[in-house]
Amino acid sequence: MDIKNRIKIARDLLNNAIKMNVNPEIIYKISRKIDTYIAVYYHQEYEGAGVYAKEDEQ
């Protein structure tokens, strides 16, 4: 399963957990997992493209 699918599934899970009034600790854990997936996604996307954020040299 690619990272985009993992993000989508985790977001759907988070939305369902919020609608069901799940324990806030579990919602927080799901949210942190989504953050991790997003970080991995951006790392893969920008590392593969050779793009790095740099401040403008003056």
PDB file of N, CA and C in Angstrom:
ATOM      1  N   MET A   1       0.852  -1.169   0.000  1.00  0.00           N
ATOM      2  CA  MET A   1       0.000   0.000   0.000  1.00  0.00           C
ATOM      3  C   MET A   1       0.901   1.237   0.000  1.00  0.00           C
ATOM      4  N   ASP A   2       0.629   2.147  -0.903  1.00  0.00           N
ATOM      5  CA  ASP A   2       1.467   3.335  -0.949  1.00  0.00           C
ATOM      6  C   ASP A   2       1.054   4.335   0.127  1.00  0.00           C
ATOM      7  N   ILE A   3       1.895   5.316   0.319  1.00  0.00           N
ATOM      8  CA  ILE A   3       1.734   6.264   1.423  1.00  0.00           C
ATOM      9  C   ILE A   3       0.484   7.128   1.260  1.00  0.00           C
ATOM     10  N   LYS A   4       0.103   7.454   0.023  1.00  0.00           N
ATOM     11  CA  LYS A   4      -1.107   8.253  -0.188  1.00  0.00           C
ATOM     12  C   LYS A   4      -2.344   7.496   0.302  1.00  0.00           C
ATOM     13  N   ASN A   5      -2.400   6.198   0.045  1.00  0.00           N
ATOM     14  CA  ASN A   5      -3.524   5.397   0.519  1.00  0.00           C
ATOM     15  C   ASN A   5      -3.539   5.307   2.037  1.00  0.00           C
ATOM     16  N   ARG A   6      -2.360   5.182   2.639  1.00  0.00           N
ATOM     17  CA  ARG A   6      -2.288   5.139   4.099  1.00  0.00           C
ATOM     18  C   ARG A   6      -2.809   6.437   4.713  1.00  0.00           C
ATOM     19  N   ILE A   7      -2.447   7.562   4.107  1.00  0.00           N
ATOM     20  CA  ILE A   7      -2.924   8.854   4.600  1.00  0.00           C
ATOM     21  C   ILE A   7      -4.442   8.930   4.482  1.00  0.00           C
ATOM     22  N   LYS A   8      -4.975   8.527   3.330  1.00  0.00           N
ATOM     23  CA  LYS A   8      -6.423   8.585   3.120  1.00  0.00           C
ATOM     24  C   LYS A   8      -7.159   7.702   4.127  1.00  0.00           C
ATOM     25  N   ILE A   9      -6.699   6.484   4.315  1.00  0.00           N
ATOM     26  CA  ILE A   9      -7.349   5.571   5.248  1.00  0.00           C
ATOM     27  C   ILE A   9      -7.281   6.115   6.675  1.00  0.00           C
ATOM     28  N   ALA A  10      -6.117   6.619   7.058  1.00  0.00           N
ATOM     29  CA  ALA A  10      -5.953   7.155   8.415  1.00  0.00           C
ATOM     30  C   ALA A  10      -6.843   8.383   8.627  1.00  0.00           C
ATOM     31  N   ARG A  11      -6.976   9.228   7.614  1.00  0.00           N
ATOM     32  CA  ARG A  11      -7.849  10.404   7.743  1.00  0.00           C
ATOM     33  C   ARG A  11      -9.304   9.996   7.883  1.00  0.00           C
ATOM     34  N   ASP A  12      -9.716   8.990   7.104  1.00  0.00           N
ATOM     35  CA  ASP A  12     -11.081   8.487   7.232  1.00  0.00           C
ATOM     36  C   ASP A  12     -11.310   7.900   8.624  1.00  0.00           C
ATOM     37  N   LEU A  13     -10.337   7.156   9.116  1.00  0.00           N
ATOM     38  CA  LEU A  13     -10.420   6.585  10.453  1.00  0.00           C
ATOM     39  C   LEU A  13     -10.534   7.681  11.510  1.00  0.00           C
ATOM     40  N   LEU A  14      -9.734   8.730  11.366  1.00  0.00           N
ATOM     41  CA  LEU A  14      -9.784   9.849  12.301  1.00  0.00           C
ATOM     42  C   LEU A  14     -11.153  10.524  12.281  1.00  0.00           C
ATOM     43  N   ASN A  15     -11.677  10.789  11.100  1.00  0.00           N
ATOM     44  CA  ASN A  15     -12.992  11.421  10.995  1.00  0.00           C
ATOM     45  C   ASN A  15     -14.078  10.559  11.628  1.00  0.00           C
ATOM     46  N   ASN A  16     -14.013   9.253  11.401  1.00  0.00           N
ATOM     47  CA  ASN A  16     -15.004   8.363  12.001  1.00  0.00           C
ATOM     48  C   ASN A  16     -14.863   8.332  13.518  1.00  0.00           C
ATOM     49  N   ALA A  17     -13.643   8.329  14.005  1.00  0.00           N
ATOM     50  CA  ALA A  17     -13.410   8.313  15.454  1.00  0.00           C
ATOM     51  C   ALA A  17     -13.961   9.586  16.097  1.00  0.00           C
ATOM     52  N   ILE A  18     -13.787  10.710  15.441  1.00  0.00           N
ATOM     53  CA  ILE A  18     -14.304  11.977  15.979  1.00  0.00           C
ATOM     54  C   ILE A  18     -15.832  11.948  16.013  1.00  0.00           C
ATOM     55  N   LYS A  19     -16.454  11.449  14.927  1.00  0.00           N
ATOM     56  CA  LYS A  19     -17.915  11.371  14.879  1.00  0.00           C
ATOM     57  C   LYS A  19     -18.470  10.450  15.959  1.00  0.00           C
ATOM     58  N   MET A  20     -17.711   9.412  16.322  1.00  0.00           N
ATOM     59  CA  MET A  20     -18.166   8.430  17.308  1.00  0.00           C
ATOM     60  C   MET A  20     -17.792   8.824  18.739  1.00  0.00           C
ATOM     61  N   ASN A  21     -17.214  10.009  18.910  1.00  0.00           N
ATOM     62  CA  ASN A  21     -16.798  10.488  20.235  1.00  0.00           C
ATOM     63  C   ASN A  21     -15.853   9.515  20.938  1.00  0.00           C
ATOM     64  N   VAL A  22     -14.850   9.077  20.203  1.00  0.00           N
ATOM     65  CA  VAL A  22     -13.843   8.169  20.744  1.00  0.00           C
ATOM     66  C   VAL A  22     -12.963   8.936  21.738  1.00  0.00           C
ATOM     67  N   ASN A  23     -12.351   8.213  22.631  1.00  0.00           N
ATOM     68  CA  ASN A  23     -11.447   8.779  23.642  1.00  0.00           C
ATOM     69  C   ASN A  23     -10.449   9.737  22.970  1.00  0.00           C
ATOM     70  N   PRO A  24     -10.291  10.937  23.499  1.00  0.00           N
ATOM     71  CA  PRO A  24      -9.367  11.914  22.895  1.00  0.00           C
ATOM     72  C   PRO A  24      -7.924  11.407  22.769  1.00  0.00           C
ATOM     73  N   GLU A  25      -7.490  10.534  23.645  1.00  0.00           N
ATOM     74  CA  GLU A  25      -6.133   9.988  23.527  1.00  0.00           C
ATOM     75  C   GLU A  25      -5.978   9.162  22.251  1.00  0.00           C
ATOM     76  N   ILE A  26      -7.004   8.404  21.911  1.00  0.00           N
ATOM     77  CA  ILE A  26      -6.956   7.599  20.683  1.00  0.00           C
ATOM     78  C   ILE A  26      -6.985   8.509  19.467  1.00  0.00           C
ATOM     79  N   ILE A  27      -7.813   9.544  19.510  1.00  0.00           N
ATOM     80  CA  ILE A  27      -7.860  10.509  18.406  1.00  0.00           C
ATOM     81  C   ILE A  27      -6.495  11.165  18.229  1.00  0.00           C
ATOM     82  N   TYR A  28      -5.857  11.503  19.334  1.00  0.00           N
ATOM     83  CA  TYR A  28      -4.530  12.113  19.276  1.00  0.00           C
ATOM     84  C   TYR A  28      -3.525  11.152  18.639  1.00  0.00           C
ATOM     85  N   LYS A  29      -3.571   9.875  19.004  1.00  0.00           N
ATOM     86  CA  LYS A  29      -2.643   8.887  18.437  1.00  0.00           C
ATOM     87  C   LYS A  29      -2.850   8.732  16.937  1.00  0.00           C
ATOM     88  N   ILE A  30      -4.102   8.711  16.510  1.00  0.00           N
ATOM     89  CA  ILE A  30      -4.391   8.612  15.075  1.00  0.00           C
ATOM     90  C   ILE A  30      -3.863   9.849  14.352  1.00  0.00           C
ATOM     91  N   SER A  31      -4.077  11.010  14.952  1.00  0.00           N
ATOM     92  CA  SER A  31      -3.610  12.260  14.363  1.00  0.00           C
ATOM     93  C   SER A  31      -2.089  12.273  14.219  1.00  0.00           C
ATOM     94  N   ARG A  32      -1.393  11.802  15.238  1.00  0.00           N
ATOM     95  CA  ARG A  32       0.075  11.747  15.184  1.00  0.00           C
ATOM     96  C   ARG A  32       0.543  10.782  14.101  1.00  0.00           C
ATOM     97  N   LYS A  33      -0.183   9.694  13.906  1.00  0.00           N
ATOM     98  CA  LYS A  33       0.170   8.729  12.868  1.00  0.00           C
ATOM     99  C   LYS A  33       0.013   9.366  11.492  1.00  0.00           C
ATOM    100  N   ILE A  34      -1.056  10.131  11.320  1.00  0.00           N
ATOM    101  CA  ILE A  34      -1.259  10.844  10.052  1.00  0.00           C
ATOM    102  C   ILE A  34      -0.119  11.823   9.816  1.00  0.00           C
ATOM    103  N   ASP A  35       0.293  12.540  10.847  1.00  0.00           N
ATOM    104  CA  ASP A  35       1.428  13.465  10.729  1.00  0.00           C
ATOM    105  C   ASP A  35       2.676  12.727  10.262  1.00  0.00           C
ATOM    106  N   THR A  36       2.903  11.544  10.809  1.00  0.00           N
ATOM    107  CA  THR A  36       4.064  10.741  10.418  1.00  0.00           C
ATOM    108  C   THR A  36       3.974  10.346   8.952  1.00  0.00           C
ATOM    109  N   TYR A  37       2.795   9.889   8.527  1.00  0.00           N
ATOM    110  CA  TYR A  37       2.609   9.502   7.123  1.00  0.00           C
ATOM    111  C   TYR A  37       2.836  10.691   6.193  1.00  0.00           C
ATOM    112  N   ILE A  38       2.339  11.860   6.574  1.00  0.00           N
ATOM    113  CA  ILE A  38       2.519  13.055   5.740  1.00  0.00           C
ATOM    114  C   ILE A  38       3.995  13.433   5.651  1.00  0.00           C
ATOM    115  N   ALA A  39       4.707  13.343   6.761  1.00  0.00           N
ATOM    116  CA  ALA A  39       6.140  13.650   6.754  1.00  0.00           C
ATOM    117  C   ALA A  39       6.891  12.688   5.840  1.00  0.00           C
ATOM    118  N   VAL A  40       6.544  11.413   5.898  1.00  0.00           N
ATOM    119  CA  VAL A  40       7.178  10.419   5.024  1.00  0.00           C
ATOM    120  C   VAL A  40       6.864  10.728   3.565  1.00  0.00           C
ATOM    121  N   TYR A  41       5.616  11.076   3.291  1.00  0.00           N
ATOM    122  CA  TYR A  41       5.209  11.402   1.930  1.00  0.00           C
ATOM    123  C   TYR A  41       6.026  12.565   1.359  1.00  0.00           C
ATOM    124  N   TYR A  42       6.121  13.655   2.116  1.00  0.00           N
ATOM    125  CA  TYR A  42       6.876  14.806   1.633  1.00  0.00           C
ATOM    126  C   TYR A  42       8.356  14.492   1.511  1.00  0.00           C
ATOM    127  N   HIS A  43       8.871  13.703   2.412  1.00  0.00           N
ATOM    128  CA  HIS A  43      10.280  13.321   2.335  1.00  0.00           C
ATOM    129  C   HIS A  43      10.537  12.541   1.046  1.00  0.00           C
ATOM    130  N   GLN A  44       9.649  11.597   0.729  1.00  0.00           N
ATOM    131  CA  GLN A  44       9.806  10.807  -0.495  1.00  0.00           C
ATOM    132  C   GLN A  44       9.659  11.678  -1.738  1.00  0.00           C
ATOM    133  N   GLU A  45       8.678  12.552  -1.738  1.00  0.00           N
ATOM    134  CA  GLU A  45       8.422  13.393  -2.907  1.00  0.00           C
ATOM    135  C   GLU A  45       9.581  14.342  -3.196  1.00  0.00           C
ATOM    136  N   TYR A  46      10.061  15.021  -2.168  1.00  0.00           N
ATOM    137  CA  TYR A  46      11.086  16.033  -2.391  1.00  0.00           C
ATOM    138  C   TYR A  46      12.479  15.452  -2.469  1.00  0.00           C
ATOM    139  N   GLU A  47      12.717  14.334  -1.836  1.00  0.00           N
ATOM    140  CA  GLU A  47      14.021  13.699  -1.944  1.00  0.00           C
ATOM    141  C   GLU A  47      14.210  13.154  -3.358  1.00  0.00           C
ATOM    142  N   GLY A  48      13.149  12.553  -3.892  1.00  0.00           N
ATOM    143  CA  GLY A  48      13.219  12.002  -5.239  1.00  0.00           C
ATOM    144  C   GLY A  48      13.375  13.078  -6.288  1.00  0.00           C
ATOM    145  N   ALA A  49      12.824  14.250  -6.046  1.00  0.00           N
ATOM    146  CA  ALA A  49      12.892  15.345  -7.010  1.00  0.00           C
ATOM    147  C   ALA A  49      14.172  16.160  -6.855  1.00  0.00           C
ATOM    148  N   GLY A  50      14.902  15.932  -5.765  1.00  0.00           N
ATOM    149  CA  GLY A  50      16.117  16.701  -5.535  1.00  0.00           C
ATOM    150  C   GLY A  50      15.844  18.133  -5.138  1.00  0.00           C
ATOM    151  N   VAL A  51      14.672  18.388  -4.585  1.00  0.00           N
ATOM    152  CA  VAL A  51      14.279  19.740  -4.199  1.00  0.00           C
ATOM    153  C   VAL A  51      14.438  19.876  -2.684  1.00  0.00           C
ATOM    154  N   TYR A  52      15.090  20.910  -2.269  1.00  0.00           N
ATOM    155  CA  TYR A  52      15.252  21.173  -0.848  1.00  0.00           C
ATOM    156  C   TYR A  52      14.914  22.621  -0.580  1.00  0.00           C
ATOM    157  N   ALA A  53      14.263  22.875   0.505  1.00  0.00           N
ATOM    158  CA  ALA A  53      13.906  24.248   0.868  1.00  0.00           C
ATOM    159  C   ALA A  53      15.144  24.961   1.386  1.00  0.00           C
ATOM    160  N   LYS A  54      15.447  26.104   0.800  1.00  0.00           N
ATOM    161  CA  LYS A  54      16.591  26.920   1.229  1.00  0.00           C
ATOM    162  C   LYS A  54      16.141  28.355   1.282  1.00  0.00           C
ATOM    163  N   GLU A  55      16.745  29.080   2.178  1.00  0.00           N
ATOM    164  CA  GLU A  55      16.473  30.506   2.223  1.00  0.00           C
ATOM    165  C   GLU A  55      17.179  31.176   1.053  1.00  0.00           C
ATOM    166  N   ASP A  56      16.607  32.256   0.565  1.00  0.00           N
ATOM    167  CA  ASP A  56      17.224  32.988  -0.534  1.00  0.00           C
ATOM    168  C   ASP A  56      18.549  33.576  -0.083  1.00  0.00           C
ATOM    169  N   GLU A  57      19.558  33.384  -0.921  1.00  0.00           N
ATOM    170  CA  GLU A  57      20.859  33.979  -0.611  1.00  0.00           C
ATOM    171  C   GLU A  57      20.837  35.429  -1.031  1.00  0.00           C
ATOM    172  N   GLN A  58      21.336  36.275  -0.163  1.00  0.00           N
ATOM    173  CA  GLN A  58      21.326  37.705  -0.491  1.00  0.00           C
ATOM    174  C   GLN A  58      22.728  38.243  -0.585  1.00  0.00           C
TER     175      GLN A  58
END
